[in-house]
PDB file of N, CA and C in Angstrom:
ATOM      1  N   MET A   1     -42.213 -80.808  -0.919  1.00  0.00           N
ATOM      2  CA  MET A   1     -41.932 -79.449  -1.021  1.00  0.00           C
ATOM      3  C   MET A   1     -40.365 -79.179  -1.858  1.00  0.00           C
ATOM      4  N   ARG A   2     -39.862 -80.193  -1.641  1.00  0.00           N
ATOM      5  CA  ARG A   2     -38.516 -79.805  -2.259  1.00  0.00           C
ATOM      6  C   ARG A   2     -38.606 -79.942  -3.974  1.00  0.00           C
ATOM      7  N   LYS A   3     -39.428 -80.564  -4.395  1.00  0.00           N
ATOM      8  CA  LYS A   3     -39.551 -80.692  -6.207  1.00  0.00           C
ATOM      9  C   LYS A   3     -40.324 -79.438  -6.532  1.00  0.00           C
ATOM     10  N   TYR A   4     -40.823 -78.555  -5.742  1.00  0.00           N
ATOM     11  CA  TYR A   4     -41.142 -77.099  -6.196  1.00  0.00           C
ATOM     12  C   TYR A   4     -40.244 -76.136  -5.875  1.00  0.00           C
ATOM     13  N   SER A   5     -39.053 -76.301  -5.449  1.00  0.00           N
ATOM     14  CA  SER A   5     -38.185 -75.388  -4.899  1.00  0.00           C
ATOM     15  C   SER A   5     -37.770 -74.412  -6.307  1.00  0.00           C
ATOM     16  N   TRP A   6     -37.790 -75.117  -7.336  1.00  0.00           N
ATOM     17  CA  TRP A   6     -37.320 -74.594  -8.605  1.00  0.00           C
ATOM     18  C   TRP A   6     -38.184 -73.419  -8.868  1.00  0.00           C
ATOM     19  N   ILE A   7     -39.384 -73.501  -8.637  1.00  0.00           N
ATOM     20  CA  ILE A   7     -40.495 -72.513  -8.910  1.00  0.00           C
ATOM     21  C   ILE A   7     -39.948 -71.095  -8.261  1.00  0.00           C
ATOM     22  N   ALA A   8     -39.549 -71.287  -6.995  1.00  0.00           N
ATOM     23  CA  ALA A   8     -39.292 -70.366  -5.918  1.00  0.00           C
ATOM     24  C   ALA A   8     -37.724 -69.520  -6.452  1.00  0.00           C
ATOM     25  N   MET A   9     -37.144 -70.473  -7.042  1.00  0.00           N
ATOM     26  CA  MET A   9     -35.709 -69.990  -7.494  1.00  0.00           C
ATOM     27  C   MET A   9     -36.057 -69.045  -8.911  1.00  0.00           C
ATOM     28  N   LEU A  10     -37.060 -69.624  -9.905  1.00  0.00           N
ATOM     29  CA  LEU A  10     -37.184 -68.864 -10.831  1.00  0.00           C
ATOM     30  C   LEU A  10     -37.985 -67.369 -10.509  1.00  0.00           C
ATOM     31  N   PHE A  11     -38.757 -67.371  -9.135  1.00  0.00           N
ATOM     32  CA  PHE A  11     -39.452 -66.024  -9.061  1.00  0.00           C
ATOM     33  C   PHE A  11     -38.462 -65.156  -8.591  1.00  0.00           C
ATOM     34  N   GLY A  12     -37.167 -65.801  -7.786  1.00  0.00           N
ATOM     35  CA  GLY A  12     -36.323 -64.893  -7.147  1.00  0.00           C
ATOM     36  C   GLY A  12     -35.563 -64.461  -7.825  1.00  0.00           C
ATOM     37  N   LEU A  13     -35.309 -64.743  -9.065  1.00  0.00           N
ATOM     38  CA  LEU A  13     -34.217 -64.156 -10.384  1.00  0.00           C
ATOM     39  C   LEU A  13     -34.929 -63.136 -11.099  1.00  0.00           C
ATOM     40  N   ASN A  14     -36.137 -62.915 -10.686  1.00  0.00           N
ATOM     41  CA  ASN A  14     -36.803 -61.665 -11.308  1.00  0.00           C
ATOM     42  C   ASN A  14     -36.318 -60.329 -10.695  1.00  0.00           C
ATOM     43  N   ILE A  15     -35.642 -60.522  -9.714  1.00  0.00           N
ATOM     44  CA  ILE A  15     -34.889 -59.491  -8.763  1.00  0.00           C
ATOM     45  C   ILE A  15     -33.759 -58.576  -9.819  1.00  0.00           C
ATOM     46  N   PHE A  16     -33.235 -59.447 -10.242  1.00  0.00           N
ATOM     47  CA  PHE A  16     -31.969 -59.304 -11.259  1.00  0.00           C
ATOM     48  C   PHE A  16     -32.547 -58.773 -12.860  1.00  0.00           C
ATOM     49  N   ALA A  17     -33.710 -58.499 -13.132  1.00  0.00           N
ATOM     50  CA  ALA A  17     -33.746 -58.749 -14.149  1.00  0.00           C
ATOM     51  C   ALA A  17     -33.645 -57.311 -14.902  1.00  0.00           C
ATOM     52  N   GLN A  18     -33.906 -56.299 -14.139  1.00  0.00           N
ATOM     53  CA  GLN A  18     -33.309 -54.732 -14.893  1.00  0.00           C
ATOM     54  C   GLN A  18     -32.279 -54.376 -13.949  1.00  0.00           C
ATOM     55  N   THR A  19     -31.219 -54.271 -14.577  1.00  0.00           N
ATOM     56  CA  THR A  19     -29.784 -53.696 -14.138  1.00  0.00           C
ATOM     57  C   THR A  19     -29.406 -52.708 -14.680  1.00  0.00           C
ATOM     58  N   PRO A  20     -28.686 -51.880 -14.114  1.00  0.00           N
ATOM     59  CA  PRO A  20     -28.088 -50.748 -15.105  1.00  0.00           C
ATOM     60  C   PRO A  20     -27.313 -50.979 -16.354  1.00  0.00           C
ATOM     61  N   THR A  21     -26.867 -52.118 -16.526  1.00  0.00           N
ATOM     62  CA  THR A  21     -26.228 -52.578 -17.992  1.00  0.00           C
ATOM     63  C   THR A  21     -27.351 -52.835 -18.881  1.00  0.00           C
ATOM     64  N   ASP A  22     -28.666 -53.150 -18.274  1.00  0.00           N
ATOM     65  CA  ASP A  22     -29.451 -53.056 -19.171  1.00  0.00           C
ATOM     66  C   ASP A  22     -30.056 -51.843 -19.949  1.00  0.00           C
ATOM     67  N   ASP A  23     -30.251 -50.773 -19.157  1.00  0.00           N
ATOM     68  CA  ASP A  23     -30.417 -49.424 -19.286  1.00  0.00           C
ATOM     69  C   ASP A  23     -29.345 -49.025 -20.197  1.00  0.00           C
ATOM     70  N   PHE A  24     -28.265 -49.204 -20.434  1.00  0.00           N
ATOM     71  CA  PHE A  24     -27.144 -48.894 -21.024  1.00  0.00           C
ATOM     72  C   PHE A  24     -27.342 -49.220 -22.750  1.00  0.00           C
ATOM     73  N   PHE A  25     -27.717 -50.595 -22.464  1.00  0.00           N
ATOM     74  CA  PHE A  25     -27.885 -51.179 -23.960  1.00  0.00           C
ATOM     75  C   PHE A  25     -29.035 -50.692 -24.732  1.00  0.00           C
ATOM     76  N   TYR A  26     -30.008 -50.491 -24.112  1.00  0.00           N
ATOM     77  CA  TYR A  26     -31.404 -50.019 -24.602  1.00  0.00           C
ATOM     78  C   TYR A  26     -31.094 -48.418 -24.723  1.00  0.00           C
ATOM     79  N   SER A  27     -30.707 -47.613 -23.931  1.00  0.00           N
ATOM     80  CA  SER A  27     -30.446 -45.962 -24.255  1.00  0.00           C
ATOM     81  C   SER A  27     -29.284 -46.110 -25.333  1.00  0.00           C
ATOM     82  N   ASN A  28     -28.566 -46.808 -25.986  1.00  0.00           N
ATOM     83  CA  ASN A  28     -27.798 -46.575 -27.051  1.00  0.00           C
ATOM     84  C   ASN A  28     -27.939 -47.425 -27.936  1.00  0.00           C
ATOM     85  N   ASN A  29     -29.281 -48.030 -28.197  1.00  0.00           N
ATOM     86  CA  ASN A  29     -29.640 -49.004 -29.080  1.00  0.00           C
ATOM     87  C   ASN A  29     -28.289 -50.269 -29.525  1.00  0.00           C
ATOM     88  N   LYS A  30     -27.783 -50.585 -28.199  1.00  0.00           N
ATOM     89  CA  LYS A  30     -27.304 -51.741 -28.657  1.00  0.00           C
ATOM     90  C   LYS A  30     -27.518 -52.983 -28.327  1.00  0.00           C
ATOM     91  N   ILE A  31     -28.836 -52.988 -28.046  1.00  0.00           N
ATOM     92  CA  ILE A  31     -29.751 -54.354 -27.652  1.00  0.00           C
ATOM     93  C   ILE A  31     -29.844 -54.852 -29.000  1.00  0.00           C
ATOM     94  N   TYR A  32     -29.859 -54.052 -30.123  1.00  0.00           N
ATOM     95  CA  TYR A  32     -30.459 -54.791 -31.649  1.00  0.00           C
ATOM     96  C   TYR A  32     -29.150 -55.350 -32.050  1.00  0.00           C
ATOM     97  N   VAL A  33     -28.036 -54.628 -31.809  1.00  0.00           N
ATOM     98  CA  VAL A  33     -26.360 -55.507 -32.308  1.00  0.00           C
ATOM     99  C   VAL A  33     -26.437 -56.897 -31.412  1.00  0.00           C
ATOM    100  N   VAL A  34     -27.106 -56.775 -30.383  1.00  0.00           N
ATOM    101  CA  VAL A  34     -26.797 -57.827 -29.296  1.00  0.00           C
ATOM    102  C   VAL A  34     -27.662 -59.210 -29.955  1.00  0.00           C
ATOM    103  N   VAL A  35     -29.213 -58.576 -29.964  1.00  0.00           N
ATOM    104  CA  VAL A  35     -30.056 -59.474 -30.760  1.00  0.00           C
ATOM    105  C   VAL A  35     -29.478 -60.091 -31.904  1.00  0.00           C
ATOM    106  N   LEU A  36     -29.316 -59.142 -33.135  1.00  0.00           N
ATOM    107  CA  LEU A  36     -28.665 -59.692 -34.364  1.00  0.00           C
ATOM    108  C   LEU A  36     -27.586 -60.626 -34.123  1.00  0.00           C
ATOM    109  N   VAL A  37     -26.659 -60.688 -33.341  1.00  0.00           N
ATOM    110  CA  VAL A  37     -25.793 -61.439 -33.273  1.00  0.00           C
ATOM    111  C   VAL A  37     -26.014 -62.797 -32.494  1.00  0.00           C
ATOM    112  N   LEU A  38     -27.176 -62.603 -31.725  1.00  0.00           N
ATOM    113  CA  LEU A  38     -27.792 -63.984 -31.144  1.00  0.00           C
ATOM    114  C   LEU A  38     -28.611 -64.707 -32.428  1.00  0.00           C
ATOM    115  N   VAL A  39     -29.142 -63.837 -33.175  1.00  0.00           N
ATOM    116  CA  VAL A  39     -29.997 -64.588 -34.092  1.00  0.00           C
ATOM    117  C   VAL A  39     -28.870 -64.817 -35.171  1.00  0.00           C
ATOM    118  N   ILE A  40     -27.859 -64.573 -35.729  1.00  0.00           N
ATOM    119  CA  ILE A  40     -27.038 -65.048 -36.813  1.00  0.00           C
ATOM    120  C   ILE A  40     -26.373 -66.558 -36.238  1.00  0.00           C
ATOM    121  N   ILE A  41     -26.063 -66.258 -34.660  1.00  0.00           N
ATOM    122  CA  ILE A  41     -25.688 -67.676 -34.079  1.00  0.00           C
ATOM    123  C   ILE A  41     -26.552 -68.709 -34.410  1.00  0.00           C
ATOM    124  N   PHE A  42     -27.626 -68.449 -33.930  1.00  0.00           N
ATOM    125  CA  PHE A  42     -28.834 -69.361 -33.918  1.00  0.00           C
ATOM    126  C   PHE A  42     -29.146 -69.646 -35.544  1.00  0.00           C
ATOM    127  N   ILE A  43     -29.123 -69.132 -36.244  1.00  0.00           N
ATOM    128  CA  ILE A  43     -29.135 -69.445 -37.788  1.00  0.00           C
ATOM    129  C   ILE A  43     -28.167 -70.188 -38.045  1.00  0.00           C
ATOM    130  N   GLY A  44     -27.018 -70.295 -37.672  1.00  0.00           N
ATOM    131  CA  GLY A  44     -25.736 -70.432 -38.276  1.00  0.00           C
ATOM    132  C   GLY A  44     -25.872 -72.193 -37.434  1.00  0.00           C
ATOM    133  N   ILE A  45     -26.240 -72.228 -36.318  1.00  0.00           N
ATOM    134  CA  ILE A  45     -26.325 -73.654 -35.624  1.00  0.00           C
ATOM    135  C   ILE A  45     -27.508 -74.436 -36.215  1.00  0.00           C
ATOM    136  N   ALA A  46     -28.358 -73.541 -36.675  1.00  0.00           N
ATOM    137  CA  ALA A  46     -29.863 -74.425 -36.838  1.00  0.00           C
ATOM    138  C   ALA A  46     -29.410 -75.015 -38.444  1.00  0.00           C
ATOM    139  N   SER A  47     -28.820 -74.200 -39.312  1.00  0.00           N
ATOM    140  CA  SER A  47     -28.335 -74.670 -40.726  1.00  0.00           C
ATOM    141  C   SER A  47     -27.350 -75.830 -40.801  1.00  0.00           C
ATOM    142  N   TYR A  48     -26.418 -75.679 -39.636  1.00  0.00           N
ATOM    143  CA  TYR A  48     -25.476 -76.904 -39.742  1.00  0.00           C
ATOM    144  C   TYR A  48     -26.091 -78.276 -39.384  1.00  0.00           C
ATOM    145  N   LEU A  49     -27.090 -78.276 -38.237  1.00  0.00           N
ATOM    146  CA  LEU A  49     -27.531 -79.041 -37.834  1.00  0.00           C
ATOM    147  C   LEU A  49     -28.626 -79.988 -39.007  1.00  0.00           C
ATOM    148  N   PHE A  50     -29.559 -78.807 -39.525  1.00  0.00           N
ATOM    149  CA  PHE A  50     -29.916 -79.356 -40.623  1.00  0.00           C
ATOM    150  C   PHE A  50     -29.335 -80.201 -41.783  1.00  0.00           C
ATOM    151  N   ARG A  51     -28.329 -79.527 -42.050  1.00  0.00           N
ATOM    152  CA  ARG A  51     -27.169 -79.668 -43.328  1.00  0.00           C
ATOM    153  C   ARG A  51     -26.781 -81.513 -42.844  1.00  0.00           C
ATOM    154  N   LEU A  52     -26.181 -81.589 -41.330  1.00  0.00           N
ATOM    155  CA  LEU A  52     -25.710 -82.610 -40.815  1.00  0.00           C
ATOM    156  C   LEU A  52     -26.602 -83.705 -40.877  1.00  0.00           C
ATOM    157  N   ASP A  53     -28.105 -83.313 -40.656  1.00  0.00           N
ATOM    158  CA  ASP A  53     -29.034 -84.342 -40.573  1.00  0.00           C
ATOM    159  C   ASP A  53     -29.608 -84.957 -41.973  1.00  0.00           C
ATOM    160  N   ARG A  54     -29.153 -84.036 -42.760  1.00  0.00           N
ATOM    161  CA  ARG A  54     -29.346 -84.470 -44.284  1.00  0.00           C
ATOM    162  C   ARG A  54     -28.465 -85.403 -44.550  1.00  0.00           C
ATOM    163  N   LYS A  55     -27.321 -85.421 -44.442  1.00  0.00           N
ATOM    164  CA  LYS A  55     -25.740 -85.907 -44.609  1.00  0.00           C
ATOM    165  C   LYS A  55     -26.170 -87.154 -44.224  1.00  0.00           C
ATOM    166  N   ILE A  56     -26.643 -87.384 -42.696  1.00  0.00           N
ATOM    167  CA  ILE A  56     -26.485 -88.672 -42.097  1.00  0.00           C
ATOM    168  C   ILE A  56     -27.785 -89.236 -42.697  1.00  0.00           C
ATOM    169  N   THR A  57     -28.798 -88.635 -42.817  1.00  0.00           N
ATOM    170  CA  THR A  57     -29.735 -89.678 -43.836  1.00  0.00           C
ATOM    171  C   THR A  57     -29.260 -90.310 -45.227  1.00  0.00           C
ATOM    172  N   LYS A  58     -28.659 -89.430 -45.670  1.00  0.00           N
ATOM    173  CA  LYS A  58     -27.979 -90.133 -46.754  1.00  0.00           C
ATOM    174  C   LYS A  58     -27.215 -91.000 -46.682  1.00  0.00           C
ATOM    175  N   LEU A  59     -26.329 -91.274 -45.777  1.00  0.00           N
ATOM    176  CA  LEU A  59     -25.548 -92.158 -45.241  1.00  0.00           C
ATOM    177  C   LEU A  59     -26.156 -93.483 -44.842  1.00  0.00           C
ATOM    178  N   GLU A  60     -27.433 -92.983 -44.141  1.00  0.00           N
ATOM    179  CA  GLU A  60     -28.067 -94.170 -43.638  1.00  0.00           C
ATOM    180  C   GLU A  60     -28.844 -95.147 -44.805  1.00  0.00           C
ATOM    181  N   LYS A  61     -29.389 -94.221 -45.685  1.00  0.00           N
ATOM    182  CA  LYS A  61     -30.228 -94.886 -46.789  1.00  0.00           C
ATOM    183  C   LYS A  61     -28.834 -95.652 -47.836  1.00  0.00           C
ATOM    184  N   ASN A  62     -27.816 -95.117 -47.853  1.00  0.00           N
ATOM    185  CA  ASN A  62     -26.684 -95.896 -48.710  1.00  0.00           C
ATOM    186  C   ASN A  62     -26.320 -97.083 -48.054  1.00  0.00           C
ATOM    187  N   ASN A  63     -26.169 -96.948 -46.685  1.00  0.00           N
ATOM    188  CA  ASN A  63     -25.878 -98.217 -45.912  1.00  0.00           C
ATOM    189  C   ASN A  63     -26.947 -99.086 -45.747  1.00  0.00           C
ATOM    190  N   GLU A  64     -28.337 -98.932 -45.943  1.00  0.00           N
ATOM    191  CA  GLU A  64     -29.672 -99.805 -46.365  1.00  0.00           C
ATOM    192  C   GLU A  64     -28.975-100.658 -47.559  1.00  0.00           C
ATOM    193  N   ALA A  65     -28.704-100.528 -48.353  1.00  0.00           N
ATOM    194  CA  ALA A  65     -28.898-100.588 -49.739  1.00  0.00           C
ATOM    195  C   ALA A  65     -27.737-101.543 -50.142  1.00  0.00           C
TER     196      ALA A  65
END
C-alpha cells in the first residue's frame, strides 16, 4: 500500500491548482511573460548541454587517437 501513496499525493495537489495568484497572471496577460522566461531559460540550458556534449565528444575522439 505504501508504494502507491505517491498517487494519492498527486491527486491531493490538485486542490492547489487554481489560486488567486493564477487568476492575476491570466487576467493581466502576465502568464505569457512567465512562459517566455521559462522557454528562454530552457533553450539556454539545452543549448549549453548540446555544446558541452560536442566538446566532450571532440575531446574523446582526440584522446583515442
